[in-house]
Each structure stands twice: as C-alpha cells, then as structure tokens.
Amino acid sequence: MHRINKIAKLDDVEDLTNTVFLAFAEQYHNIKNISYWLRRVIFLTYIVYYRKNKLRSSLIKTDSGDGSGKRRPAANILYMNTMKVLALLGEEKQKIITLKLWADINYYLIAKNIRKSESEVMKIFVRTLLTIKNRLG
C-alpha cells in the first residue's frame, strides 16, 4: 500500500502491520482458513485507517481556499447536518455510504463485505443518497 501511494507515511504502514500482527497473535488458534482471515483483517484494518484519515483530512480542509485562513461555516454546517442524517439511517446503509464515499471502496468489495449482491448494494447506495438529499432539503 505504501509503494502505490495509498498510505503516505511509512510509520502508518508499520502501525497497520502491527495491528494485523497483534490480531493474528490473539486469534491464531481460532483461524481455520488463514488466507481468507488474513485478507479480511488486512482489508478491514485498511478501511478503518482510510476512513479515519479521510474524515480527519475533510475536517482539516475547512478554510475558504483563498489564502485568507477564514473558515467556511456553510461547509461545516452541511457536513454536520449530513452526519446527523447519516446517523439516523440503519447500520447497513451507514456502512455502505461510508465505505463507498469515505473509503472509496468499489461495489463488489462492499457487497462481499456485507454479504449482498453487487446490484443490491448499488440500489441501497443510490436510494440512501436520495434519502440524505431529501432530508437535507
């Protein structure tokens, strides 16, 4: 991931590696299919990392962009309102929206993660976006 510029800092790569290793050390006696387990743990660890960093970077980018250092209150309000609406949705819809928008995961991988078909995930995603749009006005 570091070599393909998905993770910028080498320290973050080491932290993620340690996280996966510790998970393995804790659960190795329960693992039946090690290749499946390892792919899944690496995938989920990366998603958590990516979501945290993407959320953090979107929160940091709140200035107006004109060099004045002024905050964009409208963007902060829209973000907060969107997060409130998202919190009201079901857990599955939240997961699909966050994986698709924040983690930039494709429909196929999301479908595999939540054990639904790719077309079902697409439908849920589009309907959920429409719901959020309608609730935000």
N, C-alpha and C. Protein backbone atom coordinates (compact mmCIF):
# COMPACT_ATOMS: atom_id res chain seq x y z
N MET A 1 0.82 -1.19 0.00
CA MET A 1 0.00 0.00 0.00
C MET A 1 0.87 1.26 0.00
N HIS A 2 1.99 1.19 0.69
CA HIS A 2 2.88 2.35 0.75
C HIS A 2 3.50 2.62 -0.62
N ARG A 3 3.86 1.57 -1.32
CA ARG A 3 4.51 1.73 -2.62
C ARG A 3 3.57 2.28 -3.68
N ILE A 4 2.28 2.03 -3.56
CA ILE A 4 1.33 2.54 -4.55
C ILE A 4 0.65 3.82 -4.07
N ASN A 5 1.25 4.44 -3.06
CA ASN A 5 0.82 5.74 -2.52
C ASN A 5 -0.59 5.75 -1.94
N LYS A 6 -1.04 4.63 -1.46
CA LYS A 6 -2.32 4.60 -0.75
C LYS A 6 -2.13 5.06 0.70
N ILE A 7 -0.94 4.79 1.24
CA ILE A 7 -0.59 5.23 2.58
C ILE A 7 0.68 6.06 2.46
N ALA A 8 0.60 7.31 2.87
CA ALA A 8 1.70 8.24 2.64
C ALA A 8 2.88 8.01 3.58
N LYS A 9 2.62 7.77 4.83
CA LYS A 9 3.71 7.70 5.82
C LYS A 9 4.10 6.25 6.11
N LEU A 10 5.38 6.03 6.16
CA LEU A 10 5.90 4.70 6.49
C LEU A 10 5.52 4.30 7.91
N ASP A 11 5.43 5.27 8.81
CA ASP A 11 5.00 4.98 10.19
C ASP A 11 3.59 4.40 10.23
N ASP A 12 2.71 4.92 9.38
CA ASP A 12 1.35 4.39 9.32
C ASP A 12 1.34 2.95 8.82
N VAL A 13 2.21 2.66 7.86
CA VAL A 13 2.31 1.29 7.34
C VAL A 13 2.75 0.36 8.47
N GLU A 14 3.73 0.80 9.24
CA GLU A 14 4.21 -0.02 10.36
C GLU A 14 3.11 -0.21 11.41
N ASP A 15 2.35 0.84 11.69
CA ASP A 15 1.25 0.73 12.66
C ASP A 15 0.19 -0.27 12.19
N LEU A 16 -0.15 -0.21 10.91
CA LEU A 16 -1.15 -1.13 10.38
C LEU A 16 -0.62 -2.57 10.40
N THR A 17 0.64 -2.73 10.09
CA THR A 17 1.25 -4.07 10.14
C THR A 17 1.21 -4.61 11.57
N ASN A 18 1.54 -3.78 12.52
CA ASN A 18 1.48 -4.20 13.92
C ASN A 18 0.07 -4.57 14.34
N THR A 19 -0.90 -3.80 13.88
CA THR A 19 -2.30 -4.08 14.21
C THR A 19 -2.71 -5.46 13.69
N VAL A 20 -2.34 -5.76 12.45
CA VAL A 20 -2.68 -7.06 11.87
C VAL A 20 -1.95 -8.17 12.61
N PHE A 21 -0.68 -7.96 12.92
CA PHE A 21 0.09 -8.97 13.64
C PHE A 21 -0.51 -9.25 15.01
N LEU A 22 -0.89 -8.19 15.74
CA LEU A 22 -1.48 -8.38 17.06
C LEU A 22 -2.81 -9.12 16.98
N ALA A 23 -3.61 -8.79 15.95
CA ALA A 23 -4.88 -9.51 15.77
C ALA A 23 -4.61 -10.98 15.51
N PHE A 24 -3.58 -11.27 14.72
CA PHE A 24 -3.23 -12.67 14.45
C PHE A 24 -2.77 -13.36 15.73
N ALA A 25 -1.93 -12.68 16.51
CA ALA A 25 -1.40 -13.27 17.74
C ALA A 25 -2.52 -13.60 18.73
N GLU A 26 -3.56 -12.78 18.73
CA GLU A 26 -4.68 -13.00 19.64
C GLU A 26 -5.62 -14.11 19.16
N GLN A 27 -5.72 -14.30 17.85
CA GLN A 27 -6.75 -15.18 17.32
C GLN A 27 -6.23 -16.40 16.54
N TYR A 28 -4.92 -16.61 16.52
CA TYR A 28 -4.36 -17.65 15.65
C TYR A 28 -4.94 -19.04 15.93
N HIS A 29 -5.29 -19.35 17.16
CA HIS A 29 -5.82 -20.67 17.48
C HIS A 29 -7.26 -20.87 16.99
N ASN A 30 -7.96 -19.79 16.63
CA ASN A 30 -9.33 -19.88 16.12
C ASN A 30 -9.42 -19.82 14.60
N ILE A 31 -8.31 -19.59 13.93
CA ILE A 31 -8.31 -19.39 12.48
C ILE A 31 -8.32 -20.74 11.77
N LYS A 32 -9.32 -20.91 10.89
CA LYS A 32 -9.41 -22.15 10.12
C LYS A 32 -8.83 -21.98 8.72
N ASN A 33 -9.14 -20.87 8.08
CA ASN A 33 -8.63 -20.58 6.73
C ASN A 33 -7.78 -19.32 6.83
N ILE A 34 -6.48 -19.50 6.94
CA ILE A 34 -5.60 -18.37 7.23
C ILE A 34 -5.56 -17.35 6.10
N SER A 35 -5.61 -17.78 4.85
CA SER A 35 -5.54 -16.81 3.74
C SER A 35 -6.79 -15.93 3.72
N TYR A 36 -7.96 -16.53 3.93
CA TYR A 36 -9.20 -15.75 3.99
C TYR A 36 -9.16 -14.78 5.17
N TRP A 37 -8.76 -15.29 6.33
CA TRP A 37 -8.71 -14.46 7.54
C TRP A 37 -7.76 -13.29 7.34
N LEU A 38 -6.60 -13.56 6.79
CA LEU A 38 -5.59 -12.51 6.61
C LEU A 38 -6.07 -11.44 5.63
N ARG A 39 -6.65 -11.85 4.50
CA ARG A 39 -7.18 -10.87 3.53
C ARG A 39 -8.26 -10.02 4.17
N ARG A 40 -9.13 -10.64 4.93
CA ARG A 40 -10.24 -9.91 5.56
C ARG A 40 -9.73 -8.93 6.62
N VAL A 41 -8.80 -9.37 7.46
CA VAL A 41 -8.28 -8.49 8.51
C VAL A 41 -7.50 -7.33 7.90
N ILE A 42 -6.69 -7.60 6.89
CA ILE A 42 -5.94 -6.51 6.24
C ILE A 42 -6.92 -5.53 5.60
N PHE A 43 -7.92 -6.05 4.91
CA PHE A 43 -8.91 -5.19 4.26
C PHE A 43 -9.64 -4.31 5.28
N LEU A 44 -10.13 -4.91 6.35
CA LEU A 44 -10.88 -4.15 7.35
C LEU A 44 -9.99 -3.18 8.11
N THR A 45 -8.76 -3.56 8.39
CA THR A 45 -7.81 -2.66 9.06
C THR A 45 -7.53 -1.45 8.18
N TYR A 46 -7.35 -1.70 6.90
CA TYR A 46 -7.09 -0.59 5.97
C TYR A 46 -8.31 0.33 5.86
N ILE A 47 -9.50 -0.24 5.83
CA ILE A 47 -10.71 0.58 5.73
C ILE A 47 -10.83 1.50 6.94
N VAL A 48 -10.61 0.96 8.12
CA VAL A 48 -10.67 1.78 9.34
C VAL A 48 -9.64 2.89 9.27
N TYR A 49 -8.42 2.57 8.87
CA TYR A 49 -7.36 3.57 8.73
C TYR A 49 -7.76 4.65 7.73
N TYR A 50 -8.25 4.21 6.56
CA TYR A 50 -8.57 5.15 5.49
C TYR A 50 -9.73 6.05 5.88
N ARG A 51 -10.76 5.49 6.51
CA ARG A 51 -11.90 6.30 6.94
C ARG A 51 -11.48 7.35 7.96
N LYS A 52 -10.65 6.97 8.91
CA LYS A 52 -10.19 7.94 9.91
C LYS A 52 -9.39 9.06 9.26
N ASN A 53 -8.50 8.70 8.35
CA ASN A 53 -7.68 9.72 7.71
C ASN A 53 -8.47 10.59 6.74
N LYS A 54 -9.40 10.00 6.03
CA LYS A 54 -10.21 10.79 5.11
C LYS A 54 -11.12 11.74 5.89
N LEU A 55 -11.70 11.26 6.98
CA LEU A 55 -12.54 12.10 7.82
C LEU A 55 -11.70 13.22 8.43
N ARG A 56 -10.51 12.88 8.92
CA ARG A 56 -9.63 13.88 9.51
C ARG A 56 -9.24 14.93 8.47
N SER A 57 -8.90 14.51 7.25
CA SER A 57 -8.49 15.47 6.23
C SER A 57 -9.67 16.33 5.78
N SER A 58 -10.88 15.77 5.78
CA SER A 58 -12.04 16.59 5.38
C SER A 58 -12.38 17.60 6.47
N LEU A 59 -12.09 17.27 7.73
CA LEU A 59 -12.32 18.22 8.81
C LEU A 59 -11.27 19.32 8.81
N ILE A 60 -10.05 18.99 8.41
CA ILE A 60 -8.98 19.98 8.37
C ILE A 60 -9.21 20.98 7.24
N LYS A 61 -9.74 20.53 6.12
CA LYS A 61 -9.93 21.38 4.96
C LYS A 61 -11.20 22.22 5.10
N THR A 62 -11.21 23.12 6.06
CA THR A 62 -12.40 23.94 6.27
C THR A 62 -12.14 25.40 5.97
N ASP A 63 -10.93 25.74 5.47
CA ASP A 63 -10.73 27.14 5.15
C ASP A 63 -11.33 27.45 3.79
N SER A 64 -11.41 28.73 3.47
CA SER A 64 -12.09 29.16 2.25
C SER A 64 -11.29 28.89 1.00
N GLY A 65 -9.99 28.60 1.13
CA GLY A 65 -9.17 28.29 -0.03
C GLY A 65 -8.60 29.51 -0.71
N ASP A 66 -8.92 30.69 -0.22
CA ASP A 66 -8.41 31.91 -0.85
C ASP A 66 -7.16 32.44 -0.16
N GLY A 67 -6.64 31.68 0.80
CA GLY A 67 -5.43 32.09 1.49
C GLY A 67 -5.69 33.00 2.68
N SER A 68 -6.94 33.36 2.90
CA SER A 68 -7.24 34.28 4.00
C SER A 68 -7.30 33.57 5.35
N GLY A 69 -7.43 32.25 5.33
CA GLY A 69 -7.50 31.49 6.57
C GLY A 69 -8.89 31.52 7.20
N LYS A 70 -9.86 32.13 6.53
CA LYS A 70 -11.22 32.20 7.07
C LYS A 70 -11.89 30.83 6.96
N ARG A 71 -12.72 30.53 7.91
CA ARG A 71 -13.46 29.27 7.93
C ARG A 71 -14.64 29.35 6.98
N ARG A 72 -15.06 28.18 6.51
CA ARG A 72 -16.26 28.08 5.69
C ARG A 72 -17.37 27.53 6.57
N PRO A 73 -18.12 28.40 7.22
CA PRO A 73 -19.16 27.89 8.13
C PRO A 73 -20.23 27.08 7.41
N ALA A 74 -20.54 27.44 6.19
CA ALA A 74 -21.58 26.72 5.46
C ALA A 74 -21.15 25.27 5.22
N ALA A 75 -19.88 25.06 4.91
CA ALA A 75 -19.39 23.70 4.68
C ALA A 75 -19.43 22.89 5.97
N ASN A 76 -19.08 23.51 7.08
CA ASN A 76 -19.11 22.81 8.36
C ASN A 76 -20.54 22.45 8.75
N ILE A 77 -21.46 23.37 8.52
CA ILE A 77 -22.87 23.12 8.85
C ILE A 77 -23.41 22.00 7.97
N LEU A 78 -23.11 22.03 6.68
CA LEU A 78 -23.58 20.98 5.77
C LEU A 78 -23.00 19.63 6.19
N TYR A 79 -21.73 19.62 6.53
CA TYR A 79 -21.10 18.37 6.97
C TYR A 79 -21.77 17.84 8.22
N MET A 80 -21.99 18.70 9.20
CA MET A 80 -22.60 18.27 10.45
C MET A 80 -24.03 17.78 10.22
N ASN A 81 -24.78 18.48 9.40
CA ASN A 81 -26.16 18.05 9.10
C ASN A 81 -26.17 16.71 8.37
N THR A 82 -25.25 16.53 7.45
CA THR A 82 -25.16 15.27 6.72
C THR A 82 -24.83 14.12 7.68
N MET A 83 -23.92 14.36 8.60
CA MET A 83 -23.56 13.32 9.58
C MET A 83 -24.74 12.99 10.49
N LYS A 84 -25.55 14.00 10.83
CA LYS A 84 -26.74 13.75 11.66
C LYS A 84 -27.74 12.87 10.92
N VAL A 85 -27.97 13.19 9.64
CA VAL A 85 -28.91 12.40 8.84
C VAL A 85 -28.37 10.98 8.67
N LEU A 86 -27.09 10.86 8.43
CA LEU A 86 -26.47 9.55 8.26
C LEU A 86 -26.60 8.72 9.54
N ALA A 87 -26.49 9.36 10.69
CA ALA A 87 -26.62 8.66 11.96
C ALA A 87 -28.03 8.11 12.18
N LEU A 88 -29.03 8.71 11.55
CA LEU A 88 -30.41 8.26 11.69
C LEU A 88 -30.71 7.04 10.82
N LEU A 89 -29.86 6.76 9.86
CA LEU A 89 -30.09 5.64 8.95
C LEU A 89 -29.68 4.33 9.61
N GLY A 90 -30.09 3.23 9.02
CA GLY A 90 -29.73 1.92 9.55
C GLY A 90 -28.24 1.66 9.43
N GLU A 91 -27.78 0.71 10.21
CA GLU A 91 -26.35 0.39 10.25
C GLU A 91 -25.81 -0.05 8.88
N GLU A 92 -26.59 -0.85 8.17
CA GLU A 92 -26.16 -1.32 6.85
C GLU A 92 -26.00 -0.16 5.88
N LYS A 93 -26.96 0.77 5.88
CA LYS A 93 -26.88 1.92 4.98
C LYS A 93 -25.70 2.81 5.34
N GLN A 94 -25.46 2.99 6.63
CA GLN A 94 -24.31 3.78 7.06
C GLN A 94 -23.01 3.14 6.57
N LYS A 95 -22.93 1.84 6.70
CA LYS A 95 -21.72 1.13 6.29
C LYS A 95 -21.48 1.27 4.79
N ILE A 96 -22.54 1.12 4.00
CA ILE A 96 -22.41 1.24 2.55
C ILE A 96 -21.97 2.64 2.16
N ILE A 97 -22.61 3.65 2.74
CA ILE A 97 -22.26 5.04 2.42
C ILE A 97 -20.83 5.35 2.82
N THR A 98 -20.44 4.97 4.02
CA THR A 98 -19.08 5.29 4.47
C THR A 98 -18.02 4.54 3.68
N LEU A 99 -18.29 3.26 3.37
CA LEU A 99 -17.31 2.52 2.57
C LEU A 99 -17.18 3.08 1.16
N LYS A 100 -18.28 3.48 0.58
CA LYS A 100 -18.24 3.98 -0.80
C LYS A 100 -17.68 5.39 -0.87
N LEU A 101 -18.16 6.28 -0.02
CA LEU A 101 -17.77 7.69 -0.13
C LEU A 101 -16.47 8.02 0.59
N TRP A 102 -16.30 7.54 1.80
CA TRP A 102 -15.11 7.90 2.56
C TRP A 102 -13.93 6.98 2.26
N ALA A 103 -14.20 5.70 2.14
CA ALA A 103 -13.10 4.76 1.90
C ALA A 103 -12.88 4.49 0.42
N ASP A 104 -13.79 4.95 -0.43
CA ASP A 104 -13.68 4.79 -1.88
C ASP A 104 -13.52 3.32 -2.28
N ILE A 105 -14.33 2.47 -1.67
CA ILE A 105 -14.31 1.04 -1.95
C ILE A 105 -15.34 0.76 -3.05
N ASN A 106 -15.01 -0.14 -3.97
CA ASN A 106 -15.96 -0.41 -5.07
C ASN A 106 -17.13 -1.28 -4.58
N TYR A 107 -18.18 -1.31 -5.38
CA TYR A 107 -19.41 -2.01 -5.01
C TYR A 107 -19.18 -3.50 -4.78
N TYR A 108 -18.34 -4.09 -5.59
CA TYR A 108 -18.08 -5.52 -5.47
C TYR A 108 -17.53 -5.87 -4.08
N LEU A 109 -16.54 -5.11 -3.62
CA LEU A 109 -15.94 -5.39 -2.31
C LEU A 109 -16.90 -5.09 -1.16
N ILE A 110 -17.70 -4.04 -1.33
CA ILE A 110 -18.71 -3.74 -0.31
C ILE A 110 -19.72 -4.88 -0.22
N ALA A 111 -20.17 -5.34 -1.39
CA ALA A 111 -21.14 -6.44 -1.42
C ALA A 111 -20.58 -7.69 -0.76
N LYS A 112 -19.33 -7.96 -1.01
CA LYS A 112 -18.68 -9.12 -0.41
C LYS A 112 -18.60 -8.96 1.11
N ASN A 113 -18.31 -7.74 1.54
CA ASN A 113 -18.16 -7.44 2.97
C ASN A 113 -19.47 -7.60 3.73
N ILE A 114 -20.58 -7.15 3.13
CA ILE A 114 -21.87 -7.21 3.84
C ILE A 114 -22.75 -8.37 3.39
N ARG A 115 -22.20 -9.23 2.55
CA ARG A 115 -22.87 -10.44 2.08
C ARG A 115 -24.19 -10.16 1.35
N LYS A 116 -24.10 -9.26 0.39
CA LYS A 116 -25.23 -8.97 -0.50
C LYS A 116 -24.70 -8.96 -1.92
N SER A 117 -25.62 -8.92 -2.89
CA SER A 117 -25.17 -8.85 -4.27
C SER A 117 -24.74 -7.43 -4.60
N GLU A 118 -23.92 -7.32 -5.63
CA GLU A 118 -23.42 -6.02 -6.04
C GLU A 118 -24.56 -5.09 -6.46
N SER A 119 -25.55 -5.63 -7.16
CA SER A 119 -26.68 -4.80 -7.59
C SER A 119 -27.51 -4.31 -6.40
N GLU A 120 -27.66 -5.15 -5.38
CA GLU A 120 -28.38 -4.71 -4.17
C GLU A 120 -27.64 -3.56 -3.49
N VAL A 121 -26.32 -3.67 -3.42
CA VAL A 121 -25.53 -2.62 -2.80
C VAL A 121 -25.67 -1.31 -3.58
N MET A 122 -25.64 -1.40 -4.91
CA MET A 122 -25.81 -0.19 -5.74
C MET A 122 -27.17 0.46 -5.49
N LYS A 123 -28.21 -0.34 -5.45
CA LYS A 123 -29.55 0.18 -5.21
C LYS A 123 -29.65 0.85 -3.84
N ILE A 124 -29.13 0.17 -2.83
CA ILE A 124 -29.16 0.74 -1.47
C ILE A 124 -28.39 2.04 -1.43
N PHE A 125 -27.24 2.08 -2.08
CA PHE A 125 -26.40 3.28 -2.09
C PHE A 125 -27.14 4.46 -2.72
N VAL A 126 -27.72 4.25 -3.90
CA VAL A 126 -28.42 5.33 -4.60
C VAL A 126 -29.64 5.78 -3.81
N ARG A 127 -30.42 4.84 -3.31
CA ARG A 127 -31.60 5.20 -2.53
C ARG A 127 -31.23 5.95 -1.25
N THR A 128 -30.15 5.56 -0.62
CA THR A 128 -29.71 6.22 0.59
C THR A 128 -29.23 7.63 0.29
N LEU A 129 -28.51 7.81 -0.82
CA LEU A 129 -28.10 9.17 -1.20
C LEU A 129 -29.31 10.06 -1.45
N LEU A 130 -30.32 9.51 -2.10
CA LEU A 130 -31.54 10.28 -2.34
C LEU A 130 -32.24 10.63 -1.03
N THR A 131 -32.25 9.70 -0.10
CA THR A 131 -32.84 9.95 1.22
C THR A 131 -32.10 11.07 1.93
N ILE A 132 -30.78 11.02 1.91
CA ILE A 132 -29.97 12.07 2.55
C ILE A 132 -30.24 13.41 1.89
N LYS A 133 -30.27 13.40 0.56
CA LYS A 133 -30.52 14.65 -0.18
C LYS A 133 -31.89 15.24 0.18
N ASN A 134 -32.90 14.39 0.23
CA ASN A 134 -34.25 14.86 0.55
C ASN A 134 -34.35 15.39 1.99
N ARG A 135 -33.68 14.73 2.91
CA ARG A 135 -33.73 15.18 4.30
C ARG A 135 -32.95 16.47 4.54
N LEU A 136 -31.92 16.68 3.72
CA LEU A 136 -31.15 17.92 3.86
C LEU A 136 -31.85 19.09 3.19
N GLY A 137 -32.75 18.78 2.29
CA GLY A 137 -33.53 19.84 1.64
C GLY A 137 -32.85 20.31 0.45
